[in-house]
Structure formats: structure tokens, C-alpha cells
Amino acid sequence: MTQVKVFPCPRCGEPSQWQDNPFRPFCSERCKLIDLGAWASGEYRLPTQDAPQQAKGSQHEDDYED
């Protein structure tokens, strides 16, 4: 007898199974689409260490050489 592995859906937290689940790791198509929409709208963002880019033509007074 094979034990079915159950884990929480990453979107709603409801129990979900991995085996024979076409929406895995989500519990349903609804949770899968909600998560996809969150990515598409920019709700999920990765932090970056990049410094903000300076706009072209905007130089500080200290940047000019004599």
C-alpha cells in the first residue's frame, strides 16, 4: 500500500497531494491561477543589491571636473 503524501497548498494552506494532482504544488486550478496573477502583476519581487540608476543628464555638481 502506497502512502499519499499531503502538504499545504502554498497559496491557501489547504491540504494538497502531490501524486495525481495536475495543479501541484497547488490544491486547485484556482490557487494556481491566483498565484500566476500575483507574479504577473509584480506582487512578488526579489530584492536586489543594485544601486539606483542615475537619470541621463542629471549630474551632481561634484561630478564636473575643473
C-alpha atoms as a PDB file:
ATOM      1  CA  MET A   1       0.000   0.000   0.000  1.00  0.00           C
ATOM      2  CA  THR A   2       1.404   3.398  -1.022  1.00  0.00           C
ATOM      3  CA  GLN A   3       1.024   6.302   1.360  1.00  0.00           C
ATOM      4  CA  VAL A   4      -0.256   9.508  -0.256  1.00  0.00           C
ATOM      5  CA  LYS A   5       1.945  12.469   0.655  1.00  0.00           C
ATOM      6  CA  VAL A   6      -0.073  15.504   1.709  1.00  0.00           C
ATOM      7  CA  PHE A   7       1.320  19.016   2.175  1.00  0.00           C
ATOM      8  CA  PRO A   8      -0.154  22.517   2.499  1.00  0.00           C
ATOM      9  CA  CYS A   9      -1.004  24.421  -0.680  1.00  0.00           C
ATOM     10  CA  PRO A  10       1.481  27.321  -1.000  1.00  0.00           C
ATOM     11  CA  ARG A  11      -1.363  29.730  -1.809  1.00  0.00           C
ATOM     12  CA  CYS A  12      -4.191  28.904   0.617  1.00  0.00           C
ATOM     13  CA  GLY A  13      -2.666  26.416   3.049  1.00  0.00           C
ATOM     14  CA  GLU A  14      -5.306  23.739   2.456  1.00  0.00           C
ATOM     15  CA  PRO A  15      -4.098  20.123   2.303  1.00  0.00           C
ATOM     16  CA  SER A  16      -2.911  19.136  -1.157  1.00  0.00           C
ATOM     17  CA  GLN A  17      -1.443  15.938  -2.526  1.00  0.00           C
ATOM     18  CA  TRP A  18       1.459  15.651  -4.943  1.00  0.00           C
ATOM     19  CA  GLN A  19       0.585  12.386  -6.656  1.00  0.00           C
ATOM     20  CA  ASP A  20      -2.082  12.556  -9.413  1.00  0.00           C
ATOM     21  CA  ASN A  21      -2.549  16.308  -8.874  1.00  0.00           C
ATOM     22  CA  PRO A  22      -2.434  18.256 -12.178  1.00  0.00           C
ATOM     23  CA  PHE A  23      -2.190  21.576 -10.275  1.00  0.00           C
ATOM     24  CA  ARG A  24       0.691  20.647  -7.968  1.00  0.00           C
ATOM     25  CA  PRO A  25       2.045  22.156  -5.848  1.00  0.00           C
ATOM     26  CA  PHE A  26      -1.308  23.959  -5.567  1.00  0.00           C
ATOM     27  CA  CYS A  27      -4.513  22.315  -4.392  1.00  0.00           C
ATOM     28  CA  SER A  28      -6.637  23.563  -7.294  1.00  0.00           C
ATOM     29  CA  GLU A  29      -6.616  25.418 -10.583  1.00  0.00           C
ATOM     30  CA  ARG A  30      -7.981  28.459  -8.752  1.00  0.00           C
ATOM     31  CA  CYS A  31      -4.959  28.674  -6.420  1.00  0.00           C
ATOM     32  CA  LYS A  32      -2.619  28.109  -9.354  1.00  0.00           C
ATOM     33  CA  LEU A  33      -4.175  30.984 -11.328  1.00  0.00           C
ATOM     34  CA  ILE A  34      -4.235  33.337  -8.330  1.00  0.00           C
ATOM     35  CA  ASP A  35      -0.517  32.721  -7.824  1.00  0.00           C
ATOM     36  CA  LEU A  36       0.221  33.240 -11.532  1.00  0.00           C
ATOM     37  CA  GLY A  37      -1.706  36.529 -11.424  1.00  0.00           C
ATOM     38  CA  ALA A  38       0.341  37.671  -8.436  1.00  0.00           C
ATOM     39  CA  TRP A  39       3.575  37.046 -10.378  1.00  0.00           C
ATOM     40  CA  ALA A  40       2.213  38.791 -13.481  1.00  0.00           C
ATOM     41  CA  SER A  41       1.154  41.881 -11.526  1.00  0.00           C
ATOM     42  CA  GLY A  42       4.542  42.217  -9.833  1.00  0.00           C
ATOM     43  CA  GLU A  43       3.249  41.324  -6.362  1.00  0.00           C
ATOM     44  CA  TYR A  44       6.233  39.010  -5.920  1.00  0.00           C
ATOM     45  CA  ARG A  45       9.542  40.832  -6.198  1.00  0.00           C
ATOM     46  CA  LEU A  46      13.051  39.696  -5.496  1.00  0.00           C
ATOM     47  CA  PRO A  47      15.274  42.053  -3.518  1.00  0.00           C
ATOM     48  CA  THR A  48      18.312  43.380  -5.335  1.00  0.00           C
ATOM     49  CA  GLN A  49      21.607  44.859  -4.239  1.00  0.00           C
ATOM     50  CA  ASP A  50      21.877  47.145  -7.295  1.00  0.00           C
ATOM     51  CA  ALA A  51      22.299  50.858  -6.759  1.00  0.00           C
ATOM     52  CA  PRO A  52      19.583  53.027  -8.292  1.00  0.00           C
ATOM     53  CA  GLN A  53      20.444  54.217 -11.785  1.00  0.00           C
ATOM     54  CA  GLN A  54      21.063  57.905 -12.245  1.00  0.00           C
ATOM     55  CA  ALA A  55      18.930  59.528 -14.944  1.00  0.00           C
ATOM     56  CA  LYS A  56      20.797  60.662 -18.067  1.00  0.00           C
ATOM     57  CA  GLY A  57      21.772  64.296 -17.997  1.00  0.00           C
ATOM     58  CA  SER A  58      21.343  64.674 -14.253  1.00  0.00           C
ATOM     59  CA  GLN A  59      24.822  65.049 -12.844  1.00  0.00           C
ATOM     60  CA  HIS A  60      25.741  66.312  -9.453  1.00  0.00           C
ATOM     61  CA  GLU A  61      27.868  69.419  -9.116  1.00  0.00           C
ATOM     62  CA  ASP A  62      30.669  67.239  -7.686  1.00  0.00           C
ATOM     63  CA  ASP A  63      30.764  65.203 -10.899  1.00  0.00           C
ATOM     64  CA  TYR A  64      32.071  68.090 -13.004  1.00  0.00           C
ATOM     65  CA  GLU A  65      35.811  68.392 -13.425  1.00  0.00           C
ATOM     66  CA  ASP A  66      37.542  71.789 -13.495  1.00  0.00           C
END
